[in-house]
Amino acid sequence: MESVFATINTVLTSIDDAIWGVPLICLILFGGIMLTIRLRGVQFRQLGRALRYMLKNEKDGTGEVTSFAALCTALSATIGTGNIVGVATAVVTGGPGALFWMWIAALFGMATKYSEGLLAVKYRSMDPETGHTLGGPFYYIERGMGIRWRWLAKAFAFFGMCVGLFGIGTFTQVNSISSAITTFFDPTKSATVSLFGMNYSIATMIGGLIVAVCAGLVIIGGLRRIAQVSERVVPVMVVAYVLISLVLIIFNINALPGAFVEIFESAFGLQAVAGGALGAIIIAMQKGIARGIFSNEAGLGSAPIAAAAAQTKEPVRQGLVSMTGTFLDTIIVCSMTGLALVITGAYNIPGLEGAAITTAAFQAGLPFIPSQVVSFVMMLCLVLFGFTTILGWDYYGERCLEYFSNGNMKRVRVYRWLYIFAIFIGPYMTVSAVWTIADIFNGLMAIPNMIALIALSGVIVKETRSYFKRLKTADGDEDKMEPHVEDMSTWKSRPQE
């Protein structure tokens, strides 16, 4: 059985390396850089305004949930185990330099996320009677690029379903959650059960079952229940994790300058042996950008699915709110994890993987706190981060299937149960396999979305200029602005061919 798993992992790794090669990395970076230039650095110039909009809902906006709730739904999917386990995986395999490339991808990715949110609202579909909204890359591909590109929209929707069902949404999250629970309650795996030719801790089984049941109870309630849970849990868990990370950094402040030096040297291959610098840079870029996108999802095309449901009449406004998600996810939360790993050197500890690496970092960086307490806090963070991501990605997967199946809600309901089943079996997948599967579908999902963003960059620039021109005319008062001229949200869900 172990040889079969080894063969599967080898095949998956080969596919992952092919998809996440130089071409895709260049496509994502090119898209972010091009949008940054064409939008004149909107993510830097308007970050303050974006953060204000994040906390201030628009008056008289149309949509299913508030703008803040839509952001929290998106953040529930983005801020997950990727911020803890994913960063650790990237730093272990790509070196500390992977964190630098995460930052670069995030800074340009903010322009990408801004563009995604803008297009999502501009081209969304809304039923005026029920208030149900549907939007995202599949609609801005079909409506923005034209009906002849529907095949690309269908491809995105298909890969989106797979990312939710087999990638970010289920296996990686519940696997990391159950691993953290087992590490805390049964670290020696003294109480085990044999399944599928492998031995699993009873803690793994119980933890996975509880997560599946709890997730199912929320998922069956649909978007509004997911948004309600996310709106309450996400802010609390982000603040708590950042606070404990800041305590670690402050306590080890003397090691902080050296950590930054190590990150920059590793990013540019300066720590590699002679002749291996270029290879080290490529690996650091590959792992850093791939894990960065896994975490903040800029360019992936998932967040605009949630953005489309926001109660707003201004595409640009929602674009600004959407880009704060990348800032909070990578620049803030991922940085906390990465710095903890580098400051303590935990990424060099042999024999550890996944959540155990990050837990070891916090135990080493906070010696004045009992290791069991640190382990419990990290387990709790992983459980909450992973659980909210499970909820967010179910919503994404359902909306992708709704588009893919031409609005067949019976298939959507079947998808929900398959999703819950995937959560149930997730704990029994190997760590390396689930992260590789997630990377593969991430890459496949990003390709059609990035093509659309580049093709529609002119529309994005036009909308942006119009918004800020109207805002300037209103002396910066959003409530006194002239209304958005073009509203496509009431288009029929399927345009006539």
Foldseek 3Di string as FASTA:
>chain_A
DVVVLVVLLVVLVVLLCVLLDPVLLCLLLVLLVVLCVLQVNCCVVCLVVLVVLLPDWDPQFAFQAALVLLLLLLLLQQQALLLFFLLLVLCLFQNLLLLVLLVSSLSSLLSLLLLFLLLFQQQWAADPVPSDIFGWLLRCQPPVVHVVRNVLSLLLLVLLLCLCQQASQAQQQLQLLLVLQCCQPPVPLPAWDDDPNDTDRVSSQVSLVVLLVVLLVQQVVPDVSLSVVSSPQVVVLLVVLLVLLVVLCVLLVVLQVVLVVRNVCQCQQVPPDPPCRVVSNSSSNSSSNLSSCSNLVRLLTQSSRSSNRHRHQASSSSSSNRSVSSCSGSVRSSVSQSSLCSSQVLSPDPPDHGNVSSLVSSCSSCVVDPSSVSSVSSSVSNNSSSSSSNSSSLNSSLSSVCVSVVNPVVVNVVSSVSSSVSSSCSNVDDNSVRNSSSSSSSSSSSVSSSVSCVVCSVVSSVSSVVVVVQCVVVVNDPVPGDGDDRRNHNPPPDDDD
